[in-house]
Amino acid sequence: MLLSKSCETYVLENEILISAFPGCVVFGKTDSNKKYIDNCSFKFTSFQIIELFKSLVSIISFFNGKDEQKIEQIISLSSNVVYFWKGILLTNEDNSQIKLIKFAIEVNGETSFNATFSLQNINTFVYLLKRCLISSLCLKDIEEDFICSVIQNTISEIKACKANNSVAYKFVERFFQDKVLPRGTKKASFIEILKYYNSIIVQIKNLAGLYYPDE
């Protein structure tokens, strides 16, 4: 995928790139910062990010737990392409120990690519993943602002909007009261965003809760 076609692209501290494209998020190795290399980059549709989020929760548990190593599958894209992560404990020359994780891609049973992340790298990754997930929806700025306001509510309240129009309307009404919007802005389109992208908005909320700001 060409980086020139991305909505947003960022570089992590470990020099891995992450980009938002319409409907998906991609991260991994690039060819001279021009395009992502097949089988050396991870691609998740906006609706598949939940699988990556589950792995991120496990990864953070690994960093904070007592396990010295761990391997888990993230998602199987086909019978021959699998994304997974591996946690390892390393001992430095001064006998201090550090945990690292590797995101890896397996093609036909062979590892085609892996990228190493420290806990700090993962924290930055979570923040940029949230940003790219929002951008992948290709919304207007005011609609992105709306989503950012929605995730200030609880997950149960957000989920209730999917099946209950009156709850969704209250969210939108509150947003309209807090913002000065152009005349003619229709509330119905915001209600549809809240309902159609409900599961994605929940994941944006989850990612926001997983990130811890640097002190």
Protein backbone atom coordinates (compact mmCIF):
# COMPACT_ATOMS: atom_id res chain seq x y z
CA MET A 1 0.00 0.00 0.00
CA LEU A 2 1.39 3.39 -1.02
CA LEU A 3 2.07 5.80 1.84
CA SER A 4 1.01 8.64 -0.46
CA LYS A 5 -2.52 7.17 -0.32
CA SER A 6 -2.64 7.17 3.48
CA CYS A 7 -4.82 9.53 5.50
CA GLU A 8 -2.11 9.86 8.19
CA THR A 9 1.29 8.25 8.78
CA TYR A 10 3.47 8.24 11.89
CA VAL A 11 6.91 6.84 12.78
CA LEU A 12 7.33 5.01 16.08
CA GLU A 13 10.48 5.16 18.22
CA ASN A 14 11.55 1.75 16.88
CA GLU A 15 11.30 3.13 13.30
CA ILE A 16 8.17 1.12 12.48
CA LEU A 17 5.62 3.14 10.52
CA ILE A 18 1.88 3.11 11.17
CA SER A 19 -0.68 4.56 8.76
CA ALA A 20 -4.39 5.09 8.44
CA PHE A 21 -6.00 4.22 5.13
CA PRO A 22 -9.70 4.36 4.31
CA GLY A 23 -11.20 1.44 6.21
CA CYS A 24 -7.96 0.01 7.62
CA VAL A 25 -4.79 0.57 9.66
CA VAL A 26 -1.38 -0.68 8.48
CA PHE A 27 1.93 -0.85 10.32
CA GLY A 28 5.29 -2.43 9.62
CA LYS A 29 8.20 -2.23 7.19
CA THR A 30 8.22 0.02 4.13
CA ASP A 31 10.19 0.20 0.91
CA SER A 32 12.11 3.50 1.21
CA ASN A 33 9.11 5.06 3.01
CA LYS A 34 7.12 4.80 -0.21
CA LYS A 35 4.96 1.73 0.29
CA TYR A 36 4.33 -1.04 2.80
CA ILE A 37 5.97 -4.35 1.90
CA ASP A 38 3.68 -7.36 1.55
CA ASN A 39 4.16 -9.93 4.34
CA CYS A 40 6.35 -7.41 6.18
CA SER A 41 3.46 -5.23 7.32
CA PHE A 42 0.31 -5.82 9.31
CA LYS A 43 -3.07 -4.77 7.93
CA PHE A 44 -6.23 -4.62 10.02
CA THR A 45 -9.60 -3.43 8.80
CA SER A 46 -11.30 -0.96 11.11
CA PHE A 47 -13.60 -3.73 12.32
CA GLN A 48 -10.67 -6.16 12.94
CA ILE A 49 -8.92 -3.80 15.38
CA ILE A 50 -10.77 -5.56 18.21
CA GLU A 51 -8.49 -8.59 17.67
CA LEU A 52 -5.40 -6.38 17.93
CA PHE A 53 -6.82 -4.71 21.05
CA LYS A 54 -7.27 -8.10 22.74
CA SER A 55 -3.62 -8.87 22.02
CA LEU A 56 -2.51 -5.49 23.37
CA VAL A 57 -4.28 -6.26 26.65
CA SER A 58 -2.41 -9.58 26.83
CA ILE A 59 0.86 -7.88 25.90
CA ILE A 60 0.56 -5.35 28.71
CA SER A 61 -0.29 -8.19 31.10
CA PHE A 62 2.90 -9.94 29.96
CA PHE A 63 4.99 -6.83 30.68
CA ASN A 64 3.43 -6.50 34.14
CA GLY A 65 3.36 -10.20 34.98
CA LYS A 66 5.83 -12.90 35.97
CA ASP A 67 5.91 -14.91 32.71
CA GLU A 68 9.34 -14.95 31.08
CA GLN A 69 8.03 -15.76 27.64
CA LYS A 70 4.73 -16.09 25.84
CA ILE A 71 3.39 -16.61 22.31
CA GLU A 72 -0.14 -15.81 21.17
CA GLN A 73 -1.89 -15.59 17.83
CA ILE A 74 -3.41 -12.21 17.00
CA ILE A 75 -5.42 -13.17 13.94
CA SER A 76 -5.34 -15.73 11.13
CA LEU A 77 -5.94 -13.97 7.81
CA SER A 78 -5.99 -17.17 5.78
CA SER A 79 -4.84 -20.77 5.94
CA ASN A 80 -1.24 -19.68 5.31
CA VAL A 81 -0.92 -16.14 6.79
CA VAL A 82 -0.98 -15.63 10.57
CA TYR A 83 -0.21 -12.60 12.74
CA PHE A 84 1.13 -13.35 16.21
CA TRP A 85 3.15 -11.83 19.03
CA LYS A 86 5.90 -13.25 21.19
CA GLY A 87 7.04 -12.01 24.59
CA ILE A 88 10.62 -12.57 25.75
CA LEU A 89 12.77 -11.79 28.80
CA LEU A 90 16.34 -10.66 28.04
CA THR A 91 19.31 -10.35 30.40
CA ASN A 92 21.65 -7.44 29.68
CA GLU A 93 25.42 -7.43 30.15
CA ASP A 94 25.00 -5.83 33.58
CA ASN A 95 22.63 -8.70 34.54
CA SER A 96 19.61 -6.39 34.50
CA GLN A 97 16.55 -7.88 32.83
CA ILE A 98 14.13 -6.37 30.35
CA LYS A 99 11.00 -7.66 28.69
CA LEU A 100 10.34 -7.11 24.99
CA ILE A 101 7.66 -8.30 22.59
CA LYS A 102 7.80 -9.03 18.90
CA PHE A 103 4.92 -8.60 16.48
CA ALA A 104 5.43 -11.23 13.78
CA ILE A 105 3.96 -12.47 10.52
CA GLU A 106 4.04 -16.13 9.58
CA VAL A 107 3.55 -17.18 5.96
CA ASN A 108 3.30 -20.89 5.15
CA GLY A 109 4.75 -21.75 8.56
CA GLU A 110 7.79 -19.46 8.20
CA THR A 111 8.29 -16.08 9.89
CA SER A 112 8.47 -13.44 7.17
CA PHE A 113 8.78 -10.41 9.44
CA ASN A 114 9.00 -9.37 13.06
CA ALA A 115 9.28 -6.04 14.87
CA THR A 116 10.48 -5.56 18.44
CA PHE A 117 8.64 -3.31 20.91
CA SER A 118 9.49 -2.20 24.44
CA LEU A 119 6.74 -1.28 26.88
CA GLN A 120 7.26 2.39 26.01
CA ASN A 121 7.01 1.55 22.31
CA ILE A 122 3.72 -0.25 22.98
CA ASN A 123 2.34 2.75 24.85
CA THR A 124 3.13 5.05 21.92
CA PHE A 125 1.71 2.44 19.53
CA VAL A 126 -1.59 2.35 21.44
CA TYR A 127 -1.90 6.14 21.17
CA LEU A 128 -1.14 6.20 17.43
CA LEU A 129 -3.38 3.18 16.76
CA LYS A 130 -6.29 5.06 18.33
CA ARG A 131 -5.50 8.12 16.21
CA CYS A 132 -5.22 6.04 13.01
CA LEU A 133 -8.42 4.11 13.77
CA ILE A 134 -10.35 7.38 13.97
CA SER A 135 -8.71 8.64 10.78
CA SER A 136 -9.50 5.39 8.91
CA LEU A 137 -13.21 6.22 9.14
CA CYS A 138 -12.65 9.18 6.78
CA LEU A 139 -14.95 11.49 8.72
CA LYS A 140 -15.14 15.26 8.75
CA ASP A 141 -13.29 17.10 11.52
CA ILE A 142 -16.53 17.88 13.36
CA GLU A 143 -17.54 14.21 13.15
CA GLU A 144 -14.19 13.19 14.64
CA ASP A 145 -14.81 15.72 17.42
CA PHE A 146 -18.16 14.04 17.98
CA ILE A 147 -16.53 10.62 18.41
CA CYS A 148 -13.99 12.09 20.83
CA SER A 149 -16.88 13.46 22.88
CA VAL A 150 -18.75 10.14 22.77
CA ILE A 151 -15.83 8.16 24.23
CA GLN A 152 -16.01 10.27 27.37
CA ASN A 153 -19.04 8.14 28.26
CA THR A 154 -19.05 4.58 29.57
CA ILE A 155 -18.85 1.58 27.25
CA SER A 156 -22.34 0.43 28.29
CA GLU A 157 -23.77 3.86 27.42
CA ILE A 158 -22.03 3.85 24.04
CA LYS A 159 -23.26 0.34 23.22
CA ALA A 160 -26.82 1.32 24.19
CA CYS A 161 -26.85 3.81 21.31
CA LYS A 162 -26.73 1.03 18.71
CA ALA A 163 -30.16 -0.36 19.53
CA ASN A 164 -31.81 2.63 21.17
CA ASN A 165 -32.46 5.69 19.00
CA SER A 166 -33.49 7.83 21.95
CA VAL A 167 -30.17 7.21 23.73
CA ALA A 168 -28.25 7.98 20.53
CA TYR A 169 -30.28 11.16 20.06
CA LYS A 170 -29.37 12.34 23.58
CA PHE A 171 -25.67 11.93 22.78
CA VAL A 172 -26.05 13.96 19.61
CA GLU A 173 -28.24 16.60 21.26
CA ARG A 174 -25.67 17.10 24.01
CA PHE A 175 -22.89 17.48 21.41
CA PHE A 176 -24.90 20.05 19.45
CA GLN A 177 -25.46 22.05 22.63
CA ASP A 178 -21.73 22.11 23.40
CA LYS A 179 -20.60 23.04 19.87
CA VAL A 180 -21.34 25.94 17.53
CA LEU A 181 -22.16 24.07 14.33
CA PRO A 182 -22.85 25.44 10.84
CA ARG A 183 -26.49 26.15 10.10
CA GLY A 184 -28.16 23.19 8.46
CA THR A 185 -26.00 20.54 10.15
CA LYS A 186 -28.21 17.48 10.44
CA LYS A 187 -28.38 15.45 13.62
CA ALA A 188 -29.44 12.34 11.71
CA SER A 189 -25.99 11.85 10.17
CA PHE A 190 -24.37 11.90 13.62
CA ILE A 191 -26.88 9.35 14.90
CA GLU A 192 -25.99 7.08 11.97
CA ILE A 193 -22.27 7.41 12.77
CA LEU A 194 -22.99 6.45 16.36
CA LYS A 195 -24.99 3.40 15.31
CA TYR A 196 -23.01 2.12 12.29
CA TYR A 197 -19.55 2.61 13.82
CA ASN A 198 -20.64 1.63 17.32
CA SER A 199 -18.24 -1.29 17.73
CA ILE A 200 -15.35 0.79 16.39
CA ILE A 201 -16.16 3.65 18.73
CA VAL A 202 -16.07 1.16 21.60
CA GLN A 203 -12.58 0.11 20.47
CA ILE A 204 -11.47 3.76 20.30
CA LYS A 205 -12.72 4.11 23.87
CA ASN A 206 -10.83 0.95 24.89
CA LEU A 207 -7.59 2.13 23.29
CA ALA A 208 -7.90 5.51 25.00
CA GLY A 209 -8.17 3.70 28.32
CA LEU A 210 -5.15 1.52 27.57
CA TYR A 211 -2.82 4.46 26.91
CA TYR A 212 -1.03 6.10 29.80
CA PRO A 213 0.36 9.65 29.28
CA ASP A 214 4.05 10.18 29.95
CA GLU A 215 4.64 11.98 33.19
